[in-house]
Every structure is written in C-alpha cells, then in structure tokens.
Amino acid sequence: MDRQTGGEADWPGRGALYDLAGCLRFYSRLPVPQLPGEPDPHRSPDFTTLPRMLPLAGLILALPAALVLAAGWRIGLGPFLAATLAIAVLVVATGALHEDGLADVADGFGGGTTRERRLEIMHDSRIGAYGGAALVLALALRIGALATLLDRTGYAAATGLILAAALSRVAALAPMVLLPPARPGGLSASVGRPDRASLATALVLGAVLAVLAVPLGLPFGGVALMILCAGLAALALVRLARARIGGQTGDVIGACQQVSEIAALVALVAAVAA
C-alpha cells in the first residue's frame, strides 16, 4: 500500500525509476515527464546513485536508432544509408552531448601545451581542427562499423547498436571513478561520484544486457570482445586524461563514451565472420 513520506509516494523501485528518469533527462533530449512523487525533475543530478541506471538508459536512448536501422534495412535502403540514419537518430536523441565532449577533448589535448591551457581550450565552446577531425572520424567509424554489421548479420546489428550504447555508458563511468575532478568548481565536481552500490548495479545490469544479446543474434565471443574492448578504450582515455590534465571533466566523460562505443562496435565487427 502506498504511503506518503516526505511528500513522496512510497512504492517499490521508486528510487531506481527516478534515477532512470534522471539519466534520460541529463543524457538526452527526450521529453521525460515528472513521475508520481518525484522531487523537482530540474534539480541538479546526483551521481552518487543515478549512474546505476545507465545501462537501461543507454538501451532506451538507442532503441529508436535501432528501429530506424532495422526499418532501413527492411525497406532496402542498403547498409550504409540505414546505418547513417540510425546514427543520426542517436545523435539527435542525445543532443550530441557526448560528441561535444569528444570534440572538446580532442581540441584541448591536441592543441594545448600545458594543463591550464588544455583546460582553457576545452572550456571554449568553439571547435578547432582537432575537434572537427575527431568528430568526422568518430561518426565515420560508427557508421562504417554499423553498416558492416548490417551487411554481415542483418537485423542482429540493431542488437549490437543497443548493446554498444549500454556498455559504453557504463564504461564512461571509469573517469568519474578513477580520476579526481580536473576543475574543483566544475560540473563533474559538483555532481559527485558513483558509490559502490551504484557502480555494482550498473555493472550487473550491463552484464545482464550482454547475456540477453546472445539469443538475439550476437555471438558470445563477439559480446565478450565488446565488453573487453569498451573497457580497455575507457582505461586508455583515463590514462591519457591523467597525463594531460591530471583528472576528469564532463568533456572527458563524454569522450570516454564515444571511444568506448566505437571500440565495442569495431570489436563486434572483428568477431563476426565476413
């Protein structure tokens, strides 16, 4: 039976559902209404618990793109055009949030010669040559990998896209967990860090989605390689961020998601026979 506690409805799974809604609001442009009993939906996100629902948020964010991918393949658009439309839908759904982080990191890490200068460049909203090149290459790699998957696996490529979206968002927690904030007053410092329970939940949910992907057409070895490569890509970026700016920022977290997603998709391509 529902109870009113502190103005909030007391019902099972309330906190997890609120965190899922918070993930979707923060990481996307999807319209997410205020849930029954939910506190102010426009409040600053609390990353102590919110990241536990990132795998499910990644699934939801990638689902429209996966449907477009499957529909494009079904009506005969061909792998390249279907993959391009799917990635376009994914970029629109997320508001290019992670792509923006990747561009800023590429500009800062590539164009700055000191820690302070790199952070200054990353804070600048303008995009430079390194950022532009990074965006083009990232989109090309994602579209190319997805098109190849379509050509080799058909509709199972949609499952691969969803799984890559979920795994990469879990992998993007690595900078938050392993690095201190590079700017003490920055956004990444103000939202907090995932606690152990939240991180464990995210890892378990990611593993469950990976297991479910196998009966949906993905090879077990390919799924295992996706997990491995997404994790290694995240750790590589963590090491680079530590060397370049001595910590993490929101841009670093966004860039981590992008490189992990690319690594996961390319790994799956490598695991699927031509």
Protein backbone atom coordinates (compact mmCIF):
# COMPACT_ATOMS: atom_id res chain seq x y z
CA MET A 1 0.00 0.00 0.00
CA ASP A 2 1.34 3.45 -0.93
CA ARG A 3 2.40 5.77 1.82
CA GLN A 4 3.24 9.44 1.73
CA THR A 5 6.70 10.03 3.17
CA GLY A 6 8.17 13.49 2.92
CA GLY A 7 5.76 14.33 0.11
CA GLU A 8 6.86 11.36 -1.99
CA ALA A 9 4.89 8.23 -2.77
CA ASP A 10 6.48 5.21 -1.11
CA TRP A 11 6.45 2.37 -3.62
CA PRO A 12 8.94 -0.37 -4.58
CA GLY A 13 11.58 0.60 -7.11
CA ARG A 14 10.82 4.29 -6.72
CA GLY A 15 14.45 5.38 -6.38
CA ALA A 16 15.65 3.33 -9.34
CA LEU A 17 12.89 4.64 -11.58
CA TYR A 18 13.63 8.22 -10.52
CA ASP A 19 17.31 7.64 -11.35
CA LEU A 20 16.37 6.23 -14.76
CA ALA A 21 14.29 9.32 -15.48
CA GLY A 22 17.16 11.49 -14.28
CA CYS A 23 19.59 9.67 -16.60
CA LEU A 24 17.32 10.22 -19.59
CA ARG A 25 16.87 13.90 -18.77
CA PHE A 26 20.60 14.50 -18.28
CA TYR A 27 21.93 12.42 -21.16
CA SER A 28 19.29 13.09 -23.81
CA ARG A 29 16.78 15.49 -25.28
CA LEU A 30 13.91 13.05 -24.83
CA PRO A 31 10.83 14.54 -23.12
CA VAL A 32 10.62 12.82 -19.74
CA PRO A 33 7.64 13.87 -17.60
CA GLN A 34 7.81 14.20 -13.85
CA LEU A 35 6.99 10.88 -12.23
CA PRO A 36 4.45 10.48 -9.40
CA GLY A 37 6.03 11.57 -6.12
CA GLU A 38 9.28 12.55 -7.83
CA PRO A 39 11.18 15.56 -6.43
CA ASP A 40 11.95 18.53 -8.67
CA PRO A 41 12.94 16.95 -12.04
CA HIS A 42 15.01 20.04 -12.90
CA ARG A 43 17.27 19.74 -9.88
CA SER A 44 20.99 19.07 -10.32
CA PRO A 45 21.62 15.34 -10.87
CA ASP A 46 23.08 13.30 -8.01
CA PHE A 47 25.68 10.99 -9.49
CA THR A 48 26.01 9.08 -6.25
CA THR A 49 23.15 6.78 -7.28
CA LEU A 50 21.97 7.96 -10.70
CA PRO A 51 24.60 6.03 -12.77
CA ARG A 52 23.20 2.67 -11.63
CA MET A 53 20.53 3.00 -14.34
CA LEU A 54 22.89 3.99 -17.16
CA PRO A 55 22.69 0.61 -18.95
CA LEU A 56 18.89 0.83 -19.15
CA ALA A 57 19.10 4.50 -20.14
CA GLY A 58 21.52 3.56 -22.93
CA LEU A 59 19.10 0.88 -24.12
CA ILE A 60 16.21 3.35 -24.23
CA LEU A 61 18.29 6.01 -25.99
CA ALA A 62 19.49 3.57 -28.64
CA LEU A 63 16.13 1.87 -29.21
CA PRO A 64 14.76 4.47 -31.71
CA ALA A 65 18.04 4.34 -33.64
CA ALA A 66 17.92 0.53 -33.66
CA LEU A 67 14.36 0.59 -35.01
CA VAL A 68 15.39 3.02 -37.75
CA LEU A 69 18.33 0.75 -38.58
CA ALA A 70 16.11 -2.31 -38.86
CA ALA A 71 13.45 -0.43 -40.85
CA GLY A 72 16.02 0.98 -43.25
CA TRP A 73 17.41 -2.50 -43.82
CA ARG A 74 13.91 -3.93 -44.25
CA ILE A 75 12.88 -1.47 -46.99
CA GLY A 76 16.11 -1.91 -48.89
CA LEU A 77 18.00 1.31 -48.20
CA GLY A 78 21.25 -0.61 -48.00
CA PRO A 79 23.68 -0.88 -45.08
CA PHE A 80 25.42 2.50 -45.42
CA LEU A 81 22.29 4.64 -45.65
CA ALA A 82 20.46 2.67 -42.95
CA ALA A 83 23.47 2.96 -40.60
CA THR A 84 23.82 6.69 -41.29
CA LEU A 85 20.16 7.32 -40.49
CA ALA A 86 20.43 5.26 -37.29
CA ILE A 87 23.46 7.19 -36.05
CA ALA A 88 21.73 10.46 -36.97
CA VAL A 89 18.74 9.48 -34.81
CA LEU A 90 21.06 8.59 -31.93
CA VAL A 91 22.89 11.92 -32.18
CA VAL A 92 19.61 13.85 -32.22
CA ALA A 93 18.25 11.88 -29.25
CA THR A 94 21.31 12.69 -27.13
CA GLY A 95 21.66 16.27 -28.34
CA ALA A 96 25.22 15.45 -29.48
CA LEU A 97 26.21 15.63 -25.81
CA HIS A 98 28.98 13.04 -25.99
CA GLU A 99 30.15 14.20 -29.43
CA ASP A 100 30.62 17.68 -27.98
CA GLY A 101 32.79 16.23 -25.22
CA LEU A 102 34.88 14.30 -27.73
CA ALA A 103 35.49 17.42 -29.83
CA ASP A 104 36.48 19.49 -26.78
CA VAL A 105 38.86 16.82 -25.52
CA ALA A 106 40.47 16.45 -28.95
CA ASP A 107 40.97 20.22 -29.21
CA GLY A 108 42.30 20.55 -25.66
CA PHE A 109 44.55 17.51 -25.61
CA GLY A 110 45.79 18.14 -29.14
CA GLY A 111 46.18 21.90 -29.10
CA GLY A 112 47.30 22.72 -25.55
CA THR A 113 50.87 22.55 -24.31
CA THR A 114 50.16 22.94 -20.58
CA ARG A 115 47.50 21.59 -18.24
CA GLU A 116 46.00 25.05 -17.78
CA ARG A 117 45.92 25.77 -21.50
CA ARG A 118 44.28 22.41 -22.27
CA LEU A 119 41.53 23.06 -19.75
CA GLU A 120 41.06 26.55 -21.16
CA ILE A 121 40.67 25.21 -24.69
CA MET A 122 38.23 22.52 -23.53
CA HIS A 123 36.12 25.18 -21.83
CA ASP A 124 35.91 27.20 -25.06
CA SER A 125 32.70 26.47 -26.97
CA ARG A 126 34.38 26.97 -30.34
CA ILE A 127 35.54 23.91 -32.26
CA GLY A 128 39.04 23.64 -33.73
CA ALA A 129 40.78 21.45 -36.26
CA TYR A 130 41.43 18.61 -33.81
CA GLY A 131 37.83 18.61 -32.64
CA GLY A 132 36.44 18.72 -36.17
CA ALA A 133 38.67 15.85 -37.26
CA ALA A 134 37.71 13.81 -34.19
CA LEU A 135 34.00 14.26 -34.91
CA VAL A 136 34.34 13.26 -38.56
CA LEU A 137 36.42 10.20 -37.71
CA ALA A 138 34.12 9.14 -34.86
CA LEU A 139 30.98 9.37 -37.00
CA ALA A 140 32.71 7.57 -39.88
CA LEU A 141 33.86 4.75 -37.60
CA ARG A 142 30.43 4.31 -36.01
CA ILE A 143 28.60 4.38 -39.35
CA GLY A 144 31.15 2.14 -41.03
CA ALA A 145 31.10 -0.43 -38.23
CA LEU A 146 27.30 -0.45 -38.11
CA ALA A 147 26.99 -0.76 -41.89
CA THR A 148 29.42 -3.69 -41.89
CA LEU A 149 27.44 -5.37 -39.11
CA LEU A 150 24.24 -4.93 -41.11
CA ASP A 151 25.86 -6.47 -44.14
CA ARG A 152 27.17 -9.43 -42.15
CA THR A 153 24.46 -10.07 -39.55
CA GLY A 154 21.28 -8.38 -40.80
CA TYR A 155 18.83 -7.43 -38.07
CA ALA A 156 21.21 -8.56 -35.32
CA ALA A 157 23.12 -5.32 -35.99
CA ALA A 158 20.30 -3.48 -34.19
CA THR A 159 21.02 -5.55 -31.08
CA GLY A 160 24.69 -4.69 -31.44
CA LEU A 161 23.89 -0.98 -31.59
CA ILE A 162 21.79 -1.15 -28.41
CA LEU A 163 24.40 -3.18 -26.53
CA ALA A 164 27.22 -0.83 -27.59
CA ALA A 165 25.18 2.15 -26.36
CA ALA A 166 24.60 0.49 -22.98
CA LEU A 167 28.15 -0.81 -22.47
CA SER A 168 29.78 2.46 -23.50
CA ARG A 169 27.77 4.42 -20.94
CA VAL A 170 28.89 2.06 -18.20
CA ALA A 171 32.50 2.31 -19.43
CA ALA A 172 32.21 6.11 -19.34
CA LEU A 173 31.94 5.90 -15.54
CA ALA A 174 35.65 4.99 -15.45
CA PRO A 175 36.91 8.62 -15.40
CA MET A 176 34.46 9.51 -12.61
CA VAL A 177 35.57 6.54 -10.51
CA LEU A 178 39.31 6.55 -11.21
CA LEU A 179 40.17 10.25 -11.56
CA PRO A 180 39.63 13.35 -9.43
CA PRO A 181 37.88 16.36 -10.99
CA ALA A 182 40.34 18.44 -13.00
CA ARG A 183 38.38 21.61 -12.17
CA PRO A 184 37.40 21.82 -8.47
CA GLY A 185 34.47 24.08 -9.32
CA GLY A 186 33.40 22.27 -12.49
CA LEU A 187 30.23 20.32 -13.20
CA SER A 188 31.88 16.93 -12.73
CA ALA A 189 32.99 18.01 -9.24
CA SER A 190 29.55 19.27 -8.24
CA VAL A 191 27.51 16.18 -9.19
CA GLY A 192 29.51 13.73 -7.06
CA ARG A 193 30.82 10.23 -7.73
CA PRO A 194 29.03 6.89 -8.04
CA ASP A 195 29.04 4.94 -4.78
CA ARG A 196 29.99 1.27 -4.73
CA ALA A 197 26.42 0.03 -4.75
CA SER A 198 25.52 2.21 -7.73
CA LEU A 199 28.59 1.11 -9.67
CA ALA A 200 27.91 -2.56 -8.89
CA THR A 201 24.30 -2.21 -10.06
CA ALA A 202 25.41 -0.61 -13.34
CA LEU A 203 27.91 -3.42 -13.95
CA VAL A 204 25.34 -6.11 -13.20
CA LEU A 205 22.71 -4.53 -15.46
CA GLY A 206 25.29 -4.17 -18.23
CA ALA A 207 26.20 -7.84 -17.85
CA VAL A 208 22.54 -8.87 -17.98
CA LEU A 209 22.02 -6.93 -21.22
CA ALA A 210 25.15 -8.55 -22.65
CA VAL A 211 23.85 -12.03 -21.82
CA LEU A 212 20.44 -11.24 -23.35
CA ALA A 213 22.11 -10.06 -26.57
CA VAL A 214 23.34 -13.59 -27.37
CA PRO A 215 19.92 -15.18 -28.05
CA LEU A 216 19.06 -12.04 -30.05
CA GLY A 217 21.67 -12.87 -32.67
CA LEU A 218 25.06 -11.77 -31.38
CA PRO A 219 27.85 -14.36 -30.96
CA PHE A 220 29.01 -14.96 -27.40
CA GLY A 221 32.62 -14.33 -28.36
CA GLY A 222 31.65 -11.06 -30.03
CA VAL A 223 29.78 -9.87 -26.94
CA ALA A 224 32.75 -10.76 -24.71
CA LEU A 225 35.09 -8.89 -27.05
CA MET A 226 32.78 -5.86 -26.99
CA ILE A 227 32.96 -5.74 -23.20
CA LEU A 228 36.73 -6.15 -23.19
CA CYS A 229 37.42 -3.52 -25.85
CA ALA A 230 34.98 -0.98 -24.42
CA GLY A 231 36.68 -1.32 -21.04
CA LEU A 232 40.19 -1.07 -22.48
CA ALA A 233 39.25 2.02 -24.50
CA ALA A 234 37.87 3.67 -21.36
CA LEU A 235 41.02 2.85 -19.38
CA ALA A 236 43.21 4.20 -22.17
CA LEU A 237 41.34 7.51 -22.11
CA VAL A 238 41.58 7.60 -18.30
CA ARG A 239 45.34 7.24 -18.58
CA LEU A 240 45.54 9.95 -21.24
CA ALA A 241 43.38 12.34 -19.19
CA ARG A 242 45.53 11.77 -16.13
CA ALA A 243 48.65 12.59 -18.11
CA ARG A 244 47.18 15.62 -19.91
CA ILE A 245 45.06 17.39 -17.30
CA GLY A 246 45.53 15.40 -14.10
CA GLY A 247 41.87 14.46 -13.75
CA GLN A 248 38.47 14.32 -15.42
CA THR A 249 35.84 16.75 -16.65
CA GLY A 250 32.40 16.34 -18.19
CA ASP A 251 34.07 16.51 -21.60
CA VAL A 252 36.38 13.63 -20.70
CA ILE A 253 33.40 11.53 -19.64
CA GLY A 254 31.62 12.29 -22.93
CA ALA A 255 34.73 11.45 -24.94
CA CYS A 256 35.07 8.21 -22.97
CA GLN A 257 31.57 7.17 -24.01
CA GLN A 258 32.37 7.82 -27.65
CA VAL A 259 35.66 5.92 -27.79
CA SER A 260 34.12 3.03 -25.83
CA GLU A 261 31.14 2.81 -28.19
CA ILE A 262 33.43 2.83 -31.22
CA ALA A 263 35.66 0.17 -29.65
CA ALA A 264 32.63 -2.03 -28.87
CA LEU A 265 31.21 -1.78 -32.40
CA VAL A 266 34.56 -2.40 -34.09
CA ALA A 267 35.19 -5.36 -31.77
CA LEU A 268 31.86 -6.90 -32.76
CA VAL A 269 32.68 -6.42 -36.43
CA ALA A 270 36.01 -8.17 -35.90
CA ALA A 271 34.27 -11.08 -34.19
CA VAL A 272 31.71 -11.63 -36.95
CA ALA A 273 32.96 -13.59 -39.93
CA ALA A 274 32.80 -11.82 -43.27
